[in-house]
Amino acid sequence: MDMQETIKELTGCGTIISGTFLLPDGRICSEWYIPAKAFQYPPLCRKLAYEIVKHFWDMDVQVVIASRVGALPFAAEIARQLEARLLWRSNEDLVFYPNLAIHSGDRAVIVDDILMDDITPYKSIGREILTQDARLIGIASLIDLTTKKTPLNVRQISVLKREVNKIDSENPVIVQHRT
């Protein structure tokens, strides 16, 4: 899918919405994203996941990790296409869902729905990967809103790279903390 087709698909299903939004980091922007709207349609989720998968074909990925519940459908489709195991977090207190673990030597990709500059959600996952003598080879997302490359020094792939256009507004819609 080219960029225009991707934007058209995501806008059509309600993933990209226009308005005035207050982000958790305090910025006010004119556009926000609800990736779950795209992930609820398996054919669209499959196409979007392929845009990530094609960058990791040759990297022998053994584990795909959903960094939050909202990224789980996308991560599951990426794992299916890569024929890799899938791990996920059940909440912020646990690194992984109970009884799931990364193994020594695993090559892992972390998947998120929206990638932002705050890498806090990935720190505990990264520590667990290092503790288990595995290797983080990339971070993937549907939408990348970062202003700089992540300090994790791994491949950073997204389907759609967007910039947050800061605006002034007196009554923005508050974007809730993502789960």
Protein backbone atom coordinates (compact mmCIF):
# COMPACT_ATOMS: atom_id res chain seq x y z
CA MET A 1 0.00 0.00 0.00
CA ASP A 2 1.32 3.43 -0.81
CA MET A 3 1.01 6.33 1.65
CA GLN A 4 -2.10 7.87 0.04
CA GLU A 5 -3.91 4.52 -0.04
CA THR A 6 -2.97 3.92 3.60
CA ILE A 7 -4.28 7.34 4.67
CA LYS A 8 -7.49 6.79 2.69
CA GLU A 9 -8.07 3.35 4.29
CA LEU A 10 -7.33 4.61 7.81
CA THR A 11 -9.51 7.69 7.42
CA GLY A 12 -12.33 5.64 5.90
CA CYS A 13 -12.51 3.23 8.83
CA GLY A 14 -12.28 6.00 11.46
CA THR A 15 -8.69 5.44 12.58
CA ILE A 16 -7.58 8.97 11.65
CA ILE A 17 -9.84 11.63 13.14
CA SER A 18 -9.67 15.41 12.90
CA GLY A 19 -10.40 17.83 15.70
CA THR A 20 -8.57 19.40 18.62
CA PHE A 21 -6.87 16.95 20.97
CA LEU A 22 -4.84 17.35 24.18
CA LEU A 23 -2.18 14.65 24.25
CA PRO A 24 -0.89 13.07 27.49
CA ASP A 25 2.41 14.97 27.05
CA GLY A 26 0.57 18.33 27.04
CA ARG A 27 0.71 19.07 23.31
CA ILE A 28 -2.48 20.07 21.51
CA CYS A 29 -2.88 18.73 17.98
CA SER A 30 -5.40 18.72 15.13
CA GLU A 31 -5.38 15.00 14.39
CA TRP A 32 -5.59 11.84 16.50
CA TYR A 33 -5.65 8.12 15.85
CA ILE A 34 -7.75 5.19 17.02
CA PRO A 35 -5.87 2.13 15.64
CA ALA A 36 -8.43 -0.32 17.05
CA LYS A 37 -10.82 0.92 14.35
CA ALA A 38 -8.45 -0.50 11.70
CA PHE A 39 -7.56 -3.66 13.64
CA GLN A 40 -11.22 -4.73 13.88
CA TYR A 41 -11.23 -5.52 10.13
CA PRO A 42 -9.07 -8.63 9.47
CA PRO A 43 -8.40 -7.91 5.76
CA LEU A 44 -7.21 -4.37 6.57
CA CYS A 45 -5.19 -5.52 9.59
CA ARG A 46 -3.55 -8.15 7.37
CA LYS A 47 -2.55 -5.54 4.75
CA LEU A 48 -1.23 -3.14 7.39
CA ALA A 49 0.73 -5.91 9.13
CA TYR A 50 2.35 -6.91 5.84
CA GLU A 51 3.77 -3.38 5.56
CA ILE A 52 5.71 -4.17 8.75
CA VAL A 53 6.47 -7.83 8.05
CA LYS A 54 8.27 -7.15 4.76
CA HIS A 55 10.97 -5.26 6.72
CA PHE A 56 11.64 -8.24 9.00
CA TRP A 57 11.45 -11.24 6.60
CA ASP A 58 15.18 -11.81 6.55
CA MET A 59 15.76 -11.21 10.27
CA ASP A 60 14.67 -14.60 11.69
CA VAL A 61 12.20 -13.15 14.20
CA GLN A 62 11.18 -15.74 16.80
CA VAL A 63 9.02 -13.54 19.06
CA VAL A 64 6.64 -10.65 18.47
CA ILE A 65 5.74 -8.72 21.62
CA ALA A 66 2.61 -6.57 21.94
CA SER A 67 3.65 -3.69 24.19
CA ARG A 68 0.08 -2.95 25.27
CA VAL A 69 -3.36 -4.51 24.89
CA GLY A 70 -4.31 -2.04 22.14
CA ALA A 71 -1.52 -3.39 19.95
CA LEU A 72 -2.45 -7.05 20.44
CA PRO A 73 -4.50 -7.63 17.26
CA PHE A 74 -1.80 -5.97 15.13
CA ALA A 75 1.01 -7.88 16.86
CA ALA A 76 -0.88 -11.15 16.47
CA GLU A 77 -1.22 -10.63 12.72
CA ILE A 78 2.47 -9.69 12.41
CA ALA A 79 3.44 -12.80 14.41
CA ARG A 80 1.19 -14.96 12.21
CA GLN A 81 2.78 -13.64 9.01
CA LEU A 82 6.31 -14.05 10.41
CA GLU A 83 5.43 -17.47 11.87
CA ALA A 84 6.73 -16.25 15.22
CA ARG A 85 5.54 -16.71 18.80
CA LEU A 86 3.41 -13.95 20.30
CA LEU A 87 3.87 -12.46 23.77
CA TRP A 88 1.85 -9.65 25.33
CA ARG A 89 1.40 -7.65 28.48
CA SER A 90 -1.78 -8.08 30.50
CA ASN A 91 -1.20 -4.85 32.45
CA GLU A 92 1.59 -2.45 33.33
CA ASP A 93 2.55 -4.42 36.45
CA LEU A 94 3.56 -7.55 34.53
CA VAL A 95 6.23 -7.75 31.85
CA PHE A 96 4.34 -10.52 30.07
CA TYR A 97 1.02 -12.26 30.45
CA PRO A 98 1.34 -15.02 33.09
CA ASN A 99 3.12 -18.20 31.92
CA LEU A 100 4.50 -16.53 28.78
CA ALA A 101 8.21 -15.84 28.58
CA ILE A 102 10.99 -14.91 26.24
CA HIS A 103 13.76 -17.50 25.85
CA SER A 104 17.51 -17.29 25.56
CA GLY A 105 18.56 -16.55 21.99
CA ASP A 106 15.14 -15.30 20.87
CA ARG A 107 15.12 -12.48 18.32
CA ALA A 108 12.27 -10.13 19.24
CA VAL A 109 10.26 -7.32 17.72
CA ILE A 110 8.15 -5.04 19.94
CA VAL A 111 4.87 -3.91 18.37
CA ASP A 112 2.81 -0.89 19.41
CA ASP A 113 -0.22 0.73 17.83
CA ILE A 114 1.09 4.31 18.13
CA LEU A 115 4.80 4.92 18.68
CA MET A 116 5.54 8.10 20.64
CA ASP A 117 8.70 9.62 22.12
CA ASP A 118 8.00 8.20 25.59
CA ILE A 119 9.77 4.83 25.63
CA THR A 120 8.72 3.99 29.19
CA PRO A 121 6.39 1.15 28.07
CA TYR A 122 9.31 -0.56 26.33
CA LYS A 123 11.88 -0.33 29.13
CA SER A 124 10.62 -3.29 31.17
CA ILE A 125 10.26 -5.38 28.01
CA GLY A 126 13.78 -4.42 26.94
CA ARG A 127 15.17 -5.33 30.37
CA GLU A 128 13.44 -8.71 30.24
CA ILE A 129 14.84 -9.35 26.77
CA LEU A 130 18.38 -8.57 27.96
CA THR A 131 17.93 -10.57 31.19
CA GLN A 132 16.97 -13.65 29.18
CA ASP A 133 19.95 -13.25 26.82
CA ALA A 134 17.65 -12.59 23.87
CA ARG A 135 17.97 -9.84 21.27
CA LEU A 136 15.67 -6.92 20.44
CA ILE A 137 15.93 -6.35 16.69
CA GLY A 138 13.14 -3.85 16.10
CA ILE A 139 10.18 -1.78 17.14
CA ALA A 140 7.16 -1.63 14.85
CA SER A 141 3.98 0.43 14.93
CA LEU A 142 0.98 1.31 12.86
CA ILE A 143 1.55 5.05 13.38
CA ASP A 144 4.84 6.72 14.32
CA LEU A 145 4.52 10.10 16.04
CA THR A 146 8.10 10.25 17.29
CA THR A 147 10.15 13.39 16.85
CA LYS A 148 13.43 11.48 17.06
CA LYS A 149 14.74 7.95 16.70
CA THR A 150 14.22 5.82 19.81
CA PRO A 151 17.32 5.53 21.98
CA LEU A 152 17.03 1.73 21.83
CA ASN A 153 19.17 1.66 18.66
CA VAL A 154 17.10 -0.90 16.80
CA ARG A 155 15.18 -0.94 13.53
CA GLN A 156 12.15 1.36 13.87
CA ILE A 157 9.43 0.58 11.30
CA SER A 158 5.94 2.02 10.96
CA VAL A 159 3.16 1.85 8.42
CA LEU A 160 2.51 5.58 8.65
CA LYS A 161 4.84 8.33 9.88
CA ARG A 162 2.95 11.43 11.03
CA GLU A 163 3.96 14.69 12.68
CA VAL A 164 1.99 16.15 15.54
CA ASN A 165 0.91 19.60 14.33
CA LYS A 166 0.78 21.67 17.49
CA ILE A 167 -2.10 24.15 17.63
CA ASP A 168 -3.70 26.48 20.19
CA SER A 169 -7.16 25.71 21.51
CA GLU A 170 -9.26 26.53 24.54
CA ASN A 171 -11.35 23.32 24.60
CA PRO A 172 -9.42 20.34 23.26
CA VAL A 173 -10.66 16.77 23.59
CA ILE A 174 -8.44 15.02 26.14
CA VAL A 175 -6.75 11.91 24.79
CA GLN A 176 -6.88 9.28 27.52
CA HIS A 177 -3.89 7.22 28.62
CA ARG A 178 -3.48 4.35 26.17
CA THR A 179 -3.73 0.78 27.45
